[in-house]
Amino acid sequence: MSNFIQNYKIILTNLQRLQIDSLCFKQIRKPKLSTIELIAMNLTSEYISIDSEC
Protein backbone atom coordinates (compact mmCIF):
# COMPACT_ATOMS: atom_id res chain seq x y z
CA MET A 1 0.00 0.00 0.00
CA SER A 2 2.87 2.38 0.67
CA ASN A 3 3.86 1.99 -2.99
CA PHE A 4 0.45 3.40 -3.94
CA ILE A 5 0.86 6.35 -1.58
CA GLN A 6 4.36 7.14 -2.82
CA ASN A 7 3.25 7.04 -6.45
CA TYR A 8 0.16 9.11 -5.60
CA LYS A 9 2.28 11.85 -4.01
CA ILE A 10 4.62 11.96 -7.02
CA ILE A 11 1.75 12.20 -9.52
CA LEU A 12 -0.05 14.80 -7.39
CA THR A 13 2.99 17.06 -7.19
CA ASN A 14 3.50 16.82 -10.95
CA LEU A 15 -0.14 17.68 -11.61
CA GLN A 16 0.05 20.64 -9.22
CA ARG A 17 3.08 21.96 -11.14
CA LEU A 18 0.94 22.08 -14.28
CA GLN A 19 -1.47 24.47 -12.54
CA ILE A 20 -4.52 23.20 -14.38
CA ASP A 21 -7.64 25.26 -13.81
CA SER A 22 -10.38 22.79 -13.04
CA LEU A 23 -14.07 23.35 -13.56
CA CYS A 24 -15.74 24.26 -10.31
CA PHE A 25 -19.27 23.13 -9.88
CA LYS A 26 -21.41 24.61 -7.16
CA GLN A 27 -21.58 22.00 -4.45
CA ILE A 28 -23.91 22.02 -1.49
CA ARG A 29 -21.62 19.69 0.43
CA LYS A 30 -17.89 20.29 0.67
CA PRO A 31 -16.09 17.48 -1.19
CA LYS A 32 -13.52 15.45 0.73
CA LEU A 33 -11.05 15.51 -2.17
CA SER A 34 -10.33 18.18 -4.72
CA THR A 35 -10.63 17.50 -8.43
CA ILE A 36 -6.87 17.33 -8.92
CA GLU A 37 -6.58 14.81 -6.05
CA LEU A 38 -9.21 12.59 -7.69
CA ILE A 39 -7.37 12.76 -11.01
CA ALA A 40 -4.09 11.88 -9.29
CA MET A 41 -5.71 8.91 -7.54
CA ASN A 42 -7.20 7.66 -10.80
CA LEU A 43 -3.88 8.00 -12.65
CA THR A 44 -2.05 6.22 -9.83
CA SER A 45 -4.45 3.28 -9.85
CA GLU A 46 -4.17 3.01 -13.64
CA TYR A 47 -0.37 3.15 -13.38
CA ILE A 48 -0.31 0.32 -10.84
CA SER A 49 -2.97 -1.60 -12.83
CA ILE A 50 -5.65 -1.55 -10.17
CA ASP A 51 -8.98 -2.02 -11.91
CA SER A 52 -12.01 -0.54 -10.22
CA GLU A 53 -15.41 0.23 -11.66
CA CYS A 54 -16.62 2.02 -8.53
PDB file of N, CA and C in Angstrom:
ATOM      1  N   MET A   1       0.808  -1.186   0.000  1.00  0.00           N
ATOM      2  CA  MET A   1       0.000   0.000   0.000  1.00  0.00           C
ATOM      3  C   MET A   1       0.853   1.253   0.000  1.00  0.00           C
ATOM      4  N   SER A   2       2.015   1.204   0.632  1.00  0.00           N
ATOM      5  CA  SER A   2       2.870   2.382   0.666  1.00  0.00           C
ATOM      6  C   SER A   2       3.362   2.733  -0.735  1.00  0.00           C
ATOM      7  N   ASN A   3       3.468   1.730  -1.613  1.00  0.00           N
ATOM      8  CA  ASN A   3       3.861   1.986  -2.987  1.00  0.00           C
ATOM      9  C   ASN A   3       2.810   2.849  -3.677  1.00  0.00           C
ATOM     10  N   PHE A   4       1.539   2.599  -3.386  1.00  0.00           N
ATOM     11  CA  PHE A   4       0.452   3.403  -3.945  1.00  0.00           C
ATOM     12  C   PHE A   4       0.548   4.844  -3.449  1.00  0.00           C
ATOM     13  N   ILE A   5       0.794   5.012  -2.155  1.00  0.00           N
ATOM     14  CA  ILE A   5       0.860   6.353  -1.576  1.00  0.00           C
ATOM     15  C   ILE A   5       2.048   7.129  -2.123  1.00  0.00           C
ATOM     16  N   GLN A   6       3.185   6.470  -2.268  1.00  0.00           N
ATOM     17  CA  GLN A   6       4.363   7.136  -2.819  1.00  0.00           C
ATOM     18  C   GLN A   6       4.117   7.567  -4.255  1.00  0.00           C
ATOM     19  N   ASN A   7       3.543   6.687  -5.060  1.00  0.00           N
ATOM     20  CA  ASN A   7       3.251   7.039  -6.450  1.00  0.00           C
ATOM     21  C   ASN A   7       2.195   8.138  -6.530  1.00  0.00           C
ATOM     22  N   TYR A   8       1.206   8.088  -5.634  1.00  0.00           N
ATOM     23  CA  TYR A   8       0.157   9.113  -5.596  1.00  0.00           C
ATOM     24  C   TYR A   8       0.763  10.487  -5.320  1.00  0.00           C
ATOM     25  N   LYS A   9       1.659  10.567  -4.361  1.00  0.00           N
ATOM     26  CA  LYS A   9       2.276  11.849  -4.013  1.00  0.00           C
ATOM     27  C   LYS A   9       3.113  12.392  -5.166  1.00  0.00           C
ATOM     28  N   ILE A  10       3.813  11.528  -5.875  1.00  0.00           N
ATOM     29  CA  ILE A  10       4.620  11.957  -7.018  1.00  0.00           C
ATOM     30  C   ILE A  10       3.726  12.493  -8.134  1.00  0.00           C
ATOM     31  N   ILE A  11       2.672  11.771  -8.453  1.00  0.00           N
ATOM     32  CA  ILE A  11       1.755  12.196  -9.516  1.00  0.00           C
ATOM     33  C   ILE A  11       1.042  13.482  -9.119  1.00  0.00           C
ATOM     34  N   LEU A  12       0.638  13.599  -7.857  1.00  0.00           N
ATOM     35  CA  LEU A  12      -0.055  14.799  -7.393  1.00  0.00           C
ATOM     36  C   LEU A  12       0.842  16.030  -7.485  1.00  0.00           C
ATOM     37  N   THR A  13       2.094  15.907  -7.107  1.00  0.00           N
ATOM     38  CA  THR A  13       2.994  17.062  -7.191  1.00  0.00           C
ATOM     39  C   THR A  13       3.230  17.464  -8.640  1.00  0.00           C
ATOM     40  N   ASN A  14       3.319  16.486  -9.530  1.00  0.00           N
ATOM     41  CA  ASN A  14       3.501  16.821 -10.946  1.00  0.00           C
ATOM     42  C   ASN A  14       2.266  17.493 -11.531  1.00  0.00           C
ATOM     43  N   LEU A  15       1.084  17.043 -11.137  1.00  0.00           N
ATOM     44  CA  LEU A  15      -0.145  17.683 -11.607  1.00  0.00           C
ATOM     45  C   LEU A  15      -0.275  19.101 -11.049  1.00  0.00           C
ATOM     46  N   GLN A  16       0.137  19.303  -9.808  1.00  0.00           N
ATOM     47  CA  GLN A  16       0.051  20.636  -9.223  1.00  0.00           C
ATOM     48  C   GLN A  16       1.024  21.597  -9.896  1.00  0.00           C
ATOM     49  N   ARG A  17       2.132  21.107 -10.400  1.00  0.00           N
ATOM     50  CA  ARG A  17       3.075  21.956 -11.145  1.00  0.00           C
ATOM     51  C   ARG A  17       2.475  22.455 -12.450  1.00  0.00           C
ATOM     52  N   LEU A  18       1.573  21.667 -13.028  1.00  0.00           N
ATOM     53  CA  LEU A  18       0.943  22.077 -14.280  1.00  0.00           C
ATOM     54  C   LEU A  18      -0.048  23.222 -14.092  1.00  0.00           C
ATOM     55  N   GLN A  19      -0.526  23.405 -12.891  1.00  0.00           N
ATOM     56  CA  GLN A  19      -1.475  24.466 -12.545  1.00  0.00           C
ATOM     57  C   GLN A  19      -2.678  24.467 -13.481  1.00  0.00           C
ATOM     58  N   ILE A  20      -3.338  23.351 -13.537  1.00  0.00           N
ATOM     59  CA  ILE A  20      -4.523  23.200 -14.376  1.00  0.00           C
ATOM     60  C   ILE A  20      -5.715  23.821 -13.663  1.00  0.00           C
ATOM     61  N   ASP A  21      -6.414  24.698 -14.362  1.00  0.00           N
ATOM     62  CA  ASP A  21      -7.643  25.255 -13.810  1.00  0.00           C
ATOM     63  C   ASP A  21      -8.754  24.246 -14.026  1.00  0.00           C
ATOM     64  N   SER A  22      -9.315  23.783 -12.938  1.00  0.00           N
ATOM     65  CA  SER A  22     -10.382  22.789 -13.044  1.00  0.00           C
ATOM     66  C   SER A  22     -11.735  23.491 -13.019  1.00  0.00           C
ATOM     67  N   LEU A  23     -12.708  22.823 -13.585  1.00  0.00           N
ATOM     68  CA  LEU A  23     -14.068  23.351 -13.562  1.00  0.00           C
ATOM     69  C   LEU A  23     -14.623  23.222 -12.155  1.00  0.00           C
ATOM     70  N   CYS A  24     -15.166  24.273 -11.655  1.00  0.00           N
ATOM     71  CA  CYS A  24     -15.735  24.257 -10.311  1.00  0.00           C
ATOM     72  C   CYS A  24     -17.250  24.253 -10.417  1.00  0.00           C
ATOM     73  N   PHE A  25     -17.836  23.222  -9.928  1.00  0.00           N
ATOM     74  CA  PHE A  25     -19.275  23.127  -9.879  1.00  0.00           C
ATOM     75  C   PHE A  25     -19.738  23.559  -8.498  1.00  0.00           C
ATOM     76  N   LYS A  26     -20.888  24.187  -8.450  1.00  0.00           N
ATOM     77  CA  LYS A  26     -21.413  24.612  -7.160  1.00  0.00           C
ATOM     78  C   LYS A  26     -21.892  23.385  -6.396  1.00  0.00           C
ATOM     79  N   GLN A  27     -21.262  23.149  -5.281  1.00  0.00           N
ATOM     80  CA  GLN A  27     -21.578  21.996  -4.453  1.00  0.00           C
ATOM     81  C   GLN A  27     -22.273  22.455  -3.180  1.00  0.00           C
ATOM     82  N   ILE A  28     -23.274  21.731  -2.767  1.00  0.00           N
ATOM     83  CA  ILE A  28     -23.913  22.019  -1.487  1.00  0.00           C
ATOM     84  C   ILE A  28     -23.023  21.503  -0.361  1.00  0.00           C
ATOM     85  N   ARG A  29     -22.527  20.287  -0.556  1.00  0.00           N
ATOM     86  CA  ARG A  29     -21.621  19.694   0.427  1.00  0.00           C
ATOM     87  C   ARG A  29     -20.185  19.965   0.004  1.00  0.00           C
ATOM     88  N   LYS A  30     -19.304  20.112   0.973  1.00  0.00           N
ATOM     89  CA  LYS A  30     -17.887  20.292   0.672  1.00  0.00           C
ATOM     90  C   LYS A  30     -17.283  18.924   0.344  1.00  0.00           C
ATOM     91  N   PRO A  31     -16.681  18.776  -0.842  1.00  0.00           N
ATOM     92  CA  PRO A  31     -16.092  17.478  -1.187  1.00  0.00           C
ATOM     93  C   PRO A  31     -14.872  17.157  -0.317  1.00  0.00           C
ATOM     94  N   LYS A  32     -14.657  15.871  -0.100  1.00  0.00           N
ATOM     95  CA  LYS A  32     -13.522  15.453   0.728  1.00  0.00           C
ATOM     96  C   LYS A  32     -12.200  15.579  -0.025  1.00  0.00           C
ATOM     97  N   LEU A  33     -12.252  15.401  -1.341  1.00  0.00           N
ATOM     98  CA  LEU A  33     -11.052  15.512  -2.169  1.00  0.00           C
ATOM     99  C   LEU A  33     -11.282  16.548  -3.256  1.00  0.00           C
ATOM    100  N   SER A  34     -10.224  17.234  -3.622  1.00  0.00           N
ATOM    101  CA  SER A  34     -10.335  18.180  -4.722  1.00  0.00           C
ATOM    102  C   SER A  34     -10.301  17.422  -6.053  1.00  0.00           C
ATOM    103  N   THR A  35     -10.598  18.125  -7.112  1.00  0.00           N
ATOM    104  CA  THR A  35     -10.626  17.499  -8.432  1.00  0.00           C
ATOM    105  C   THR A  35      -9.254  16.975  -8.815  1.00  0.00           C
ATOM    106  N   ILE A  36      -8.228  17.750  -8.538  1.00  0.00           N
ATOM    107  CA  ILE A  36      -6.871  17.325  -8.918  1.00  0.00           C
ATOM    108  C   ILE A  36      -6.432  16.112  -8.102  1.00  0.00           C
ATOM    109  N   GLU A  37      -6.903  15.981  -6.864  1.00  0.00           N
ATOM    110  CA  GLU A  37      -6.581  14.806  -6.054  1.00  0.00           C
ATOM    111  C   GLU A  37      -7.276  13.567  -6.598  1.00  0.00           C
ATOM    112  N   LEU A  38      -8.508  13.719  -7.076  1.00  0.00           N
ATOM    113  CA  LEU A  38      -9.209  12.585  -7.691  1.00  0.00           C
ATOM    114  C   LEU A  38      -8.522  12.139  -8.976  1.00  0.00           C
ATOM    115  N   ILE A  39      -8.083  13.096  -9.764  1.00  0.00           N
ATOM    116  CA  ILE A  39      -7.374  12.763 -11.008  1.00  0.00           C
ATOM    117  C   ILE A  39      -6.071  12.044 -10.689  1.00  0.00           C
ATOM    118  N   ALA A  40      -5.352  12.523  -9.684  1.00  0.00           N
ATOM    119  CA  ALA A  40      -4.092  11.880  -9.291  1.00  0.00           C
ATOM    120  C   ALA A  40      -4.329  10.460  -8.791  1.00  0.00           C
ATOM    121  N   MET A  41      -5.405  10.256  -8.041  1.00  0.00           N
ATOM    122  CA  MET A  41      -5.714   8.915  -7.542  1.00  0.00           C
ATOM    123  C   MET A  41      -6.069   7.973  -8.690  1.00  0.00           C
ATOM    124  N   ASN A  42      -6.832   8.471  -9.649  1.00  0.00           N
ATOM    125  CA  ASN A  42      -7.205   7.658 -10.800  1.00  0.00           C
ATOM    126  C   ASN A  42      -5.978   7.305 -11.636  1.00  0.00           C
ATOM    127  N   LEU A  43      -5.102   8.273 -11.883  1.00  0.00           N
ATOM    128  CA  LEU A  43      -3.883   8.000 -12.654  1.00  0.00           C
ATOM    129  C   LEU A  43      -2.966   7.024 -11.926  1.00  0.00           C
ATOM    130  N   THR A  44      -2.887   7.140 -10.614  1.00  0.00           N
ATOM    131  CA  THR A  44      -2.054   6.224  -9.834  1.00  0.00           C
ATOM    132  C   THR A  44      -2.582   4.804  -9.911  1.00  0.00           C
ATOM    133  N   SER A  45      -3.893   4.632  -9.780  1.00  0.00           N
ATOM    134  CA  SER A  45      -4.449   3.284  -9.853  1.00  0.00           C
ATOM    135  C   SER A  45      -4.293   2.694 -11.252  1.00  0.00           C
ATOM    136  N   GLU A  46      -4.411   3.506 -12.281  1.00  0.00           N
ATOM    137  CA  GLU A  46      -4.175   3.009 -13.643  1.00  0.00           C
ATOM    138  C   GLU A  46      -2.709   2.640 -13.839  1.00  0.00           C
ATOM    139  N   TYR A  47      -1.811   3.413 -13.271  1.00  0.00           N
ATOM    140  CA  TYR A  47      -0.375   3.146 -13.376  1.00  0.00           C
ATOM    141  C   TYR A  47       0.000   1.823 -12.712  1.00  0.00           C
ATOM    142  N   ILE A  48      -0.620   1.539 -11.577  1.00  0.00           N
ATOM    143  CA  ILE A  48      -0.310   0.318 -10.837  1.00  0.00           C
ATOM    144  C   ILE A  48      -1.158  -0.850 -11.349  1.00  0.00           C
ATOM    145  N   SER A  49      -2.082  -0.600 -12.248  1.00  0.00           N
ATOM    146  CA  SER A  49      -2.969  -1.602 -12.827  1.00  0.00           C
ATOM    147  C   SER A  49      -3.994  -2.119 -11.830  1.00  0.00           C
ATOM    148  N   ILE A  50      -4.545  -1.212 -11.054  1.00  0.00           N
ATOM    149  CA  ILE A  50      -5.655  -1.549 -10.169  1.00  0.00           C
ATOM    150  C   ILE A  50      -6.932  -1.217 -10.905  1.00  0.00           C
ATOM    151  N   ASP A  51      -7.726  -2.233 -11.192  1.00  0.00           N
ATOM    152  CA  ASP A  51      -8.979  -2.023 -11.905  1.00  0.00           C
ATOM    153  C   ASP A  51     -10.104  -1.852 -10.899  1.00  0.00           C
ATOM    154  N   SER A  52     -10.865  -0.782 -11.077  1.00  0.00           N
ATOM    155  CA  SER A  52     -12.014  -0.540 -10.219  1.00  0.00           C
ATOM    156  C   SER A  52     -13.088   0.141 -11.045  1.00  0.00           C
ATOM    157  N   GLU A  53     -14.285  -0.352 -10.950  1.00  0.00           N
ATOM    158  CA  GLU A  53     -15.407   0.230 -11.661  1.00  0.00           C
ATOM    159  C   GLU A  53     -16.275   1.063 -10.739  1.00  0.00           C
ATOM    160  N   CYS A  54     -15.840   1.236  -9.489  1.00  0.00           N
ATOM    161  CA  CYS A  54     -16.619   2.020  -8.527  1.00  0.00           C
ATOM    162  C   CYS A  54     -16.401   3.496  -8.758  1.00  0.00           C
TER     163      CYS A  54
END
